[in-house]
Each structure stands twice: as C-alpha cells, then as structure tokens.
PDB file of N, CA and C in Angstrom:
ATOM      1  N   MET A   1      56.643 -62.805 135.285  1.00  0.00           N
ATOM      2  CA  MET A   1      56.634 -63.871 134.317  1.00  0.00           C
ATOM      3  C   MET A   1      57.381 -65.072 134.891  1.00  0.00           C
ATOM      4  N   GLN A   2      56.819 -66.249 134.713  1.00  0.00           N
ATOM      5  CA  GLN A   2      57.440 -67.473 135.208  1.00  0.00           C
ATOM      6  C   GLN A   2      58.444 -68.013 134.191  1.00  0.00           C
ATOM      7  N   PRO A   3      59.620 -68.425 134.640  1.00  0.00           N
ATOM      8  CA  PRO A   3      60.543 -69.077 133.709  1.00  0.00           C
ATOM      9  C   PRO A   3      59.992 -70.449 133.318  1.00  0.00           C
ATOM     10  N   THR A   4      60.252 -70.845 132.107  1.00  0.00           N
ATOM     11  CA  THR A   4      59.753 -72.128 131.624  1.00  0.00           C
ATOM     12  C   THR A   4      60.880 -73.142 131.560  1.00  0.00           C
ATOM     13  N   TRP A   5      60.515 -74.396 131.459  1.00  0.00           N
ATOM     14  CA  TRP A   5      61.488 -75.473 131.340  1.00  0.00           C
ATOM     15  C   TRP A   5      62.056 -75.557 129.930  1.00  0.00           C
ATOM     16  N   ARG A   6      61.410 -74.877 128.967  1.00  0.00           N
ATOM     17  CA  ARG A   6      61.844 -74.976 127.572  1.00  0.00           C
ATOM     18  C   ARG A   6      63.244 -74.424 127.352  1.00  0.00           C
ATOM     19  N   LYS A   7      63.594 -73.351 128.029  1.00  0.00           N
ATOM     20  CA  LYS A   7      64.909 -72.737 127.778  1.00  0.00           C
ATOM     21  C   LYS A   7      66.061 -73.631 128.221  1.00  0.00           C
ATOM     22  N   PRO A   8      66.062 -74.190 129.429  1.00  0.00           N
ATOM     23  CA  PRO A   8      67.165 -75.084 129.785  1.00  0.00           C
ATOM     24  C   PRO A   8      67.212 -76.339 128.914  1.00  0.00           C
ATOM     25  N   VAL A   9      66.039 -76.910 128.602  1.00  0.00           N
ATOM     26  CA  VAL A   9      66.000 -78.098 127.752  1.00  0.00           C
ATOM     27  C   VAL A   9      66.483 -77.754 126.351  1.00  0.00           C
ATOM     28  N   GLY A  10      66.038 -76.629 125.824  1.00  0.00           N
ATOM     29  CA  GLY A  10      66.471 -76.198 124.501  1.00  0.00           C
ATOM     30  C   GLY A  10      67.962 -75.919 124.451  1.00  0.00           C
ATOM     31  N   MET A  11      68.482 -75.310 125.514  1.00  0.00           N
ATOM     32  CA  MET A  11      69.910 -75.024 125.571  1.00  0.00           C
ATOM     33  C   MET A  11      70.725 -76.317 125.558  1.00  0.00           C
ATOM     34  N   LEU A  12      70.291 -77.304 126.329  1.00  0.00           N
ATOM     35  CA  LEU A  12      70.990 -78.591 126.339  1.00  0.00           C
ATOM     36  C   LEU A  12      70.877 -79.294 124.989  1.00  0.00           C
ATOM     37  N   ALA A  13      69.715 -79.192 124.356  1.00  0.00           N
ATOM     38  CA  ALA A  13      69.536 -79.800 123.032  1.00  0.00           C
ATOM     39  C   ALA A  13      70.432 -79.121 121.998  1.00  0.00           C
ATOM     40  N   ILE A  14      70.565 -77.817 122.077  1.00  0.00           N
ATOM     41  CA  ILE A  14      71.436 -77.095 121.146  1.00  0.00           C
ATOM     42  C   ILE A  14      72.891 -77.500 121.362  1.00  0.00           C
ATOM     43  N   LEU A  15      73.319 -77.602 122.608  1.00  0.00           N
ATOM     44  CA  LEU A  15      74.688 -78.036 122.891  1.00  0.00           C
ATOM     45  C   LEU A  15      74.931 -79.455 122.399  1.00  0.00           C
ATOM     46  N   ALA A  16      73.942 -80.332 122.576  1.00  0.00           N
ATOM     47  CA  ALA A  16      74.069 -81.706 122.079  1.00  0.00           C
ATOM     48  C   ALA A  16      74.161 -81.729 120.556  1.00  0.00           C
ATOM     49  N   PHE A  17      73.354 -80.905 119.894  1.00  0.00           N
ATOM     50  CA  PHE A  17      73.399 -80.844 118.433  1.00  0.00           C
ATOM     51  C   PHE A  17      74.753 -80.330 117.942  1.00  0.00           C
ATOM     52  N   ILE A  18      75.295 -79.312 118.607  1.00  0.00           N
ATOM     53  CA  ILE A  18      76.601 -78.781 118.212  1.00  0.00           C
ATOM     54  C   ILE A  18      77.682 -79.835 118.405  1.00  0.00           C
ATOM     55  N   LEU A  19      77.615 -80.581 119.504  1.00  0.00           N
ATOM     56  CA  LEU A  19      78.581 -81.653 119.738  1.00  0.00           C
ATOM     57  C   LEU A  19      78.469 -82.725 118.658  1.00  0.00           C
ATOM     58  N   PHE A  20      77.219 -83.104 118.308  1.00  0.00           N
ATOM     59  CA  PHE A  20      77.002 -84.074 117.237  1.00  0.00           C
ATOM     60  C   PHE A  20      77.588 -83.568 115.926  1.00  0.00           C
ATOM     61  N   TRP A  21      77.335 -82.305 115.598  1.00  0.00           N
ATOM     62  CA  TRP A  21      77.832 -81.712 114.350  1.00  0.00           C
ATOM     63  C   TRP A  21      79.357 -81.722 114.313  1.00  0.00           C
ATOM     64  N   LEU A  22      79.958 -81.348 115.442  1.00  0.00           N
ATOM     65  CA  LEU A  22      81.415 -81.312 115.540  1.00  0.00           C
ATOM     66  C   LEU A  22      82.001 -82.702 115.320  1.00  0.00           C
ATOM     67  N   VAL A  23      81.433 -83.715 115.956  1.00  0.00           N
ATOM     68  CA  VAL A  23      81.932 -85.087 115.807  1.00  0.00           C
ATOM     69  C   VAL A  23      81.730 -85.568 114.368  1.00  0.00           C
ATOM     70  N   ALA A  24      80.592 -85.246 113.773  1.00  0.00           N
ATOM     71  CA  ALA A  24      80.316 -85.667 112.393  1.00  0.00           C
ATOM     72  C   ALA A  24      81.324 -85.059 111.418  1.00  0.00           C
ATOM     73  N   VAL A  25      81.578 -83.773 111.542  1.00  0.00           N
ATOM     74  CA  VAL A  25      82.525 -83.112 110.628  1.00  0.00           C
ATOM     75  C   VAL A  25      83.947 -83.600 110.890  1.00  0.00           C
ATOM     76  N   ALA A  26      84.305 -83.764 112.155  1.00  0.00           N
ATOM     77  CA  ALA A  26      85.650 -84.246 112.486  1.00  0.00           C
ATOM     78  C   ALA A  26      85.864 -85.672 112.000  1.00  0.00           C
ATOM     79  N   SER A  27      84.826 -86.493 112.034  1.00  0.00           N
ATOM     80  CA  SER A  27      84.980 -87.870 111.560  1.00  0.00           C
ATOM     81  C   SER A  27      85.147 -87.936 110.040  1.00  0.00           C
ATOM     82  N   LEU A  28      84.700 -86.905 109.349  1.00  0.00           N
ATOM     83  CA  LEU A  28      84.878 -86.847 107.900  1.00  0.00           C
ATOM     84  C   LEU A  28      86.221 -86.231 107.498  1.00  0.00           C
ATOM     85  N   SER A  29      86.989 -85.765 108.451  1.00  0.00           N
ATOM     86  CA  SER A  29      88.232 -85.048 108.128  1.00  0.00           C
ATOM     87  C   SER A  29      89.251 -85.862 107.337  1.00  0.00           C
ATOM     88  N   PRO A  30      89.363 -87.196 107.504  1.00  0.00           N
ATOM     89  CA  PRO A  30      90.312 -87.911 106.629  1.00  0.00           C
ATOM     90  C   PRO A  30      89.960 -87.780 105.143  1.00  0.00           C
ATOM     91  N   TRP A  31      88.671 -87.840 104.844  1.00  0.00           N
ATOM     92  CA  TRP A  31      88.250 -87.722 103.444  1.00  0.00           C
ATOM     93  C   TRP A  31      88.344 -86.273 102.970  1.00  0.00           C
ATOM     94  N   ILE A  32      87.975 -85.361 103.841  1.00  0.00           N
ATOM     95  CA  ILE A  32      88.069 -83.949 103.474  1.00  0.00           C
ATOM     96  C   ILE A  32      89.526 -83.544 103.298  1.00  0.00           C
ATOM     97  N   GLY A  33      90.417 -84.099 104.126  1.00  0.00           N
ATOM     98  CA  GLY A  33      91.840 -83.785 104.045  1.00  0.00           C
ATOM     99  C   GLY A  33      92.478 -84.243 102.745  1.00  0.00           C
ATOM    100  N   ALA A  34      91.872 -85.208 102.063  1.00  0.00           N
ATOM    101  CA  ALA A  34      92.397 -85.692 100.790  1.00  0.00           C
ATOM    102  C   ALA A  34      92.001 -84.781  99.629  1.00  0.00           C
ATOM    103  N   LEU A  35      91.110 -83.857  99.863  1.00  0.00           N
ATOM    104  CA  LEU A  35      90.656 -82.945  98.809  1.00  0.00           C
ATOM    105  C   LEU A  35      91.664 -81.814  98.623  1.00  0.00           C
ATOM    106  N   PRO A  36      91.621 -81.130  97.487  1.00  0.00           N
ATOM    107  CA  PRO A  36      92.475 -79.955  97.294  1.00  0.00           C
ATOM    108  C   PRO A  36      92.164 -78.873  98.344  1.00  0.00           C
ATOM    109  N   ALA A  37      93.138 -78.051  98.629  1.00  0.00           N
ATOM    110  CA  ALA A  37      93.037 -77.071  99.704  1.00  0.00           C
ATOM    111  C   ALA A  37      91.847 -76.125  99.535  1.00  0.00           C
ATOM    112  N   LEU A  38      91.579 -75.664  98.343  1.00  0.00           N
ATOM    113  CA  LEU A  38      90.447 -74.747  98.140  1.00  0.00           C
ATOM    114  C   LEU A  38      89.111 -75.439  98.380  1.00  0.00           C
ATOM    115  N   VAL A  39      89.028 -76.699  97.994  1.00  0.00           N
ATOM    116  CA  VAL A  39      87.797 -77.454  98.235  1.00  0.00           C
ATOM    117  C   VAL A  39      87.626 -77.703  99.737  1.00  0.00           C
ATOM    118  N   GLN A  40      88.739 -77.992 100.419  1.00  0.00           N
ATOM    119  CA  GLN A  40      88.692 -78.155 101.877  1.00  0.00           C
ATOM    120  C   GLN A  40      88.160 -76.888 102.545  1.00  0.00           C
ATOM    121  N   MET A  41      88.662 -75.760 102.101  1.00  0.00           N
ATOM    122  CA  MET A  41      88.233 -74.490 102.664  1.00  0.00           C
ATOM    123  C   MET A  41      86.728 -74.292 102.452  1.00  0.00           C
ATOM    124  N   LEU A  42      86.239 -74.632 101.274  1.00  0.00           N
ATOM    125  CA  LEU A  42      84.822 -74.498 100.971  1.00  0.00           C
ATOM    126  C   LEU A  42      83.992 -75.447 101.844  1.00  0.00           C
ATOM    127  N   VAL A  43      84.431 -76.704 101.959  1.00  0.00           N
ATOM    128  CA  VAL A  43      83.691 -77.687 102.756  1.00  0.00           C
ATOM    129  C   VAL A  43      83.631 -77.259 104.216  1.00  0.00           C
ATOM    130  N   TYR A  44      84.773 -76.875 104.778  1.00  0.00           N
ATOM    131  CA  TYR A  44      84.788 -76.463 106.179  1.00  0.00           C
ATOM    132  C   TYR A  44      84.038 -75.149 106.386  1.00  0.00           C
ATOM    133  N   GLY A  45      84.064 -74.276 105.412  1.00  0.00           N
ATOM    134  CA  GLY A  45      83.295 -73.032 105.504  1.00  0.00           C
ATOM    135  C   GLY A  45      81.801 -73.300 105.526  1.00  0.00           C
ATOM    136  N   VAL A  46      81.341 -74.181 104.648  1.00  0.00           N
ATOM    137  CA  VAL A  46      79.917 -74.541 104.615  1.00  0.00           C
ATOM    138  C   VAL A  46      79.533 -75.270 105.901  1.00  0.00           C
ATOM    139  N   ALA A  47      80.369 -76.202 106.336  1.00  0.00           N
ATOM    140  CA  ALA A  47      80.079 -76.947 107.568  1.00  0.00           C
ATOM    141  C   ALA A  47      80.083 -76.023 108.784  1.00  0.00           C
ATOM    142  N   GLY A  48      80.896 -74.991 108.744  1.00  0.00           N
ATOM    143  CA  GLY A  48      80.968 -74.059 109.861  1.00  0.00           C
ATOM    144  C   GLY A  48      79.776 -73.133 109.967  1.00  0.00           C
ATOM    145  N   VAL A  49      79.017 -73.000 108.884  1.00  0.00           N
ATOM    146  CA  VAL A  49      77.853 -72.112 108.889  1.00  0.00           C
ATOM    147  C   VAL A  49      76.539 -72.908 108.839  1.00  0.00           C
ATOM    148  N   ALA A  50      76.560 -74.083 108.243  1.00  0.00           N
ATOM    149  CA  ALA A  50      75.332 -74.849 108.018  1.00  0.00           C
ATOM    150  C   ALA A  50      74.679 -75.344 109.298  1.00  0.00           C
ATOM    151  N   TRP A  51      75.415 -75.456 110.384  1.00  0.00           N
ATOM    152  CA  TRP A  51      74.823 -75.951 111.629  1.00  0.00           C
ATOM    153  C   TRP A  51      73.821 -74.966 112.221  1.00  0.00           C
ATOM    154  N   ILE A  52      73.857 -73.724 111.764  1.00  0.00           N
ATOM    155  CA  ILE A  52      72.981 -72.701 112.334  1.00  0.00           C
ATOM    156  C   ILE A  52      71.532 -72.875 111.860  1.00  0.00           C
ATOM    157  N   ALA A  53      71.334 -73.278 110.616  1.00  0.00           N
ATOM    158  CA  ALA A  53      69.985 -73.356 110.040  1.00  0.00           C
ATOM    159  C   ALA A  53      69.032 -74.270 110.814  1.00  0.00           C
ATOM    160  N   PRO A  54      69.437 -75.460 111.232  1.00  0.00           N
ATOM    161  CA  PRO A  54      68.484 -76.318 111.963  1.00  0.00           C
ATOM    162  C   PRO A  54      68.123 -75.781 113.351  1.00  0.00           C
ATOM    163  N   LEU A  55      68.853 -74.806 113.839  1.00  0.00           N
ATOM    164  CA  LEU A  55      68.587 -74.304 115.181  1.00  0.00           C
ATOM    165  C   LEU A  55      67.458 -73.278 115.235  1.00  0.00           C
ATOM    166  N   LYS A  56      67.076 -72.720 114.107  1.00  0.00           N
ATOM    167  CA  LYS A  56      66.030 -71.689 114.108  1.00  0.00           C
ATOM    168  C   LYS A  56      64.713 -72.197 114.697  1.00  0.00           C
ATOM    169  N   PRO A  57      64.224 -73.382 114.305  1.00  0.00           N
ATOM    170  CA  PRO A  57      62.992 -73.868 114.938  1.00  0.00           C
ATOM    171  C   PRO A  57      63.158 -74.123 116.438  1.00  0.00           C
ATOM    172  N   ALA A  58      64.317 -74.598 116.845  1.00  0.00           N
ATOM    173  CA  ALA A  58      64.540 -74.851 118.272  1.00  0.00           C
ATOM    174  C   ALA A  58      64.527 -73.540 119.055  1.00  0.00           C
ATOM    175  N   LEU A  59      65.142 -72.524 118.512  1.00  0.00           N
ATOM    176  CA  LEU A  59      65.135 -71.221 119.185  1.00  0.00           C
ATOM    177  C   LEU A  59      63.726 -70.638 119.251  1.00  0.00           C
ATOM    178  N   ARG A  60      62.967 -70.817 118.182  1.00  0.00           N
ATOM    179  CA  ARG A  60      61.579 -70.339 118.168  1.00  0.00           C
ATOM    180  C   ARG A  60      60.768 -71.084 119.226  1.00  0.00           C
ATOM    181  N   TRP A  61      60.969 -72.413 119.321  1.00  0.00           N
ATOM    182  CA  TRP A  61      60.256 -73.203 120.316  1.00  0.00           C
ATOM    183  C   TRP A  61      60.620 -72.763 121.730  1.00  0.00           C
ATOM    184  N   MET A  62      61.883 -72.462 121.952  1.00  0.00           N
ATOM    185  CA  MET A  62      62.313 -72.026 123.276  1.00  0.00           C
ATOM    186  C   MET A  62      61.615 -70.724 123.681  1.00  0.00           C
ATOM    187  N   GLU A  63      61.383 -69.846 122.731  1.00  0.00           N
ATOM    188  CA  GLU A  63      60.768 -68.551 123.027  1.00  0.00           C
ATOM    189  C   GLU A  63      59.241 -68.600 123.100  1.00  0.00           C
ATOM    190  N   THR A  64      58.632 -69.348 122.161  1.00  0.00           N
ATOM    191  CA  THR A  64      57.176 -69.280 122.041  1.00  0.00           C
ATOM    192  C   THR A  64      56.444 -70.558 122.445  1.00  0.00           C
ATOM    193  N   GLY A  65      57.127 -71.683 122.427  1.00  0.00           N
ATOM    194  CA  GLY A  65      56.470 -72.949 122.701  1.00  0.00           C
ATOM    195  C   GLY A  65      55.903 -73.608 121.471  1.00  0.00           C
ATOM    196  N   ARG A  66      56.106 -72.989 120.301  1.00  0.00           N
ATOM    197  CA  ARG A  66      55.617 -73.552 119.032  1.00  0.00           C
ATOM    198  C   ARG A  66      56.789 -73.721 118.087  1.00  0.00           C
ATOM    199  N   TRP A  67      56.724 -74.735 117.220  1.00  0.00           N
ATOM    200  CA  TRP A  67      57.791 -74.969 116.247  1.00  0.00           C
ATOM    201  C   TRP A  67      57.655 -74.057 115.039  1.00  0.00           C
ATOM    202  N   ARG A  68      56.415 -73.733 114.708  1.00  0.00           N
ATOM    203  CA  ARG A  68      56.154 -72.881 113.530  1.00  0.00           C
ATOM    204  C   ARG A  68      55.389 -71.652 113.957  1.00  0.00           C
ATOM    205  N   ARG A  69      55.337 -70.673 113.076  1.00  0.00           N
ATOM    206  CA  ARG A  69      54.649 -69.412 113.385  1.00  0.00           C
ATOM    207  C   ARG A  69      53.202 -69.567 113.584  1.00  0.00           C
TER     208      ARG A  69
END
C-alpha cells in the first residue's frame, strides 16, 4: 500500500486547529476569569472537550479521502 499525502497534511491541519483553539480560549481567559469558579470550571471543561468534535471529519478524510460516509 502506498502512503498518501493526506495523513501528513491532515496531521499539520489538526495541529494548526489545536493551536488556534488554544489561542482562542486563552485570549478569552480575562473574561472567563471574572466568572465564578464553578462557571469557570464548566467553561474550561467544555472548551477542553469541544475541540474534538470538529476533528472527526478531518480524521475520516485522512483515512478514506472523503469528508462524509
């Protein structure tokens, strides 16, 4: 089986997306820091898990070459 260019490109795109997500959440930290501690925990918990959902199509594309089934 021949390796494809999709995996390295997809890997770089995923790393770029994670970096973007990290910068976006970190830039919101002054406003998030003003919230009560329990709300902060909820916001950071959601932000810490929500970045995974947009990656599913990218991972599928890396494996199959298609965005959808």
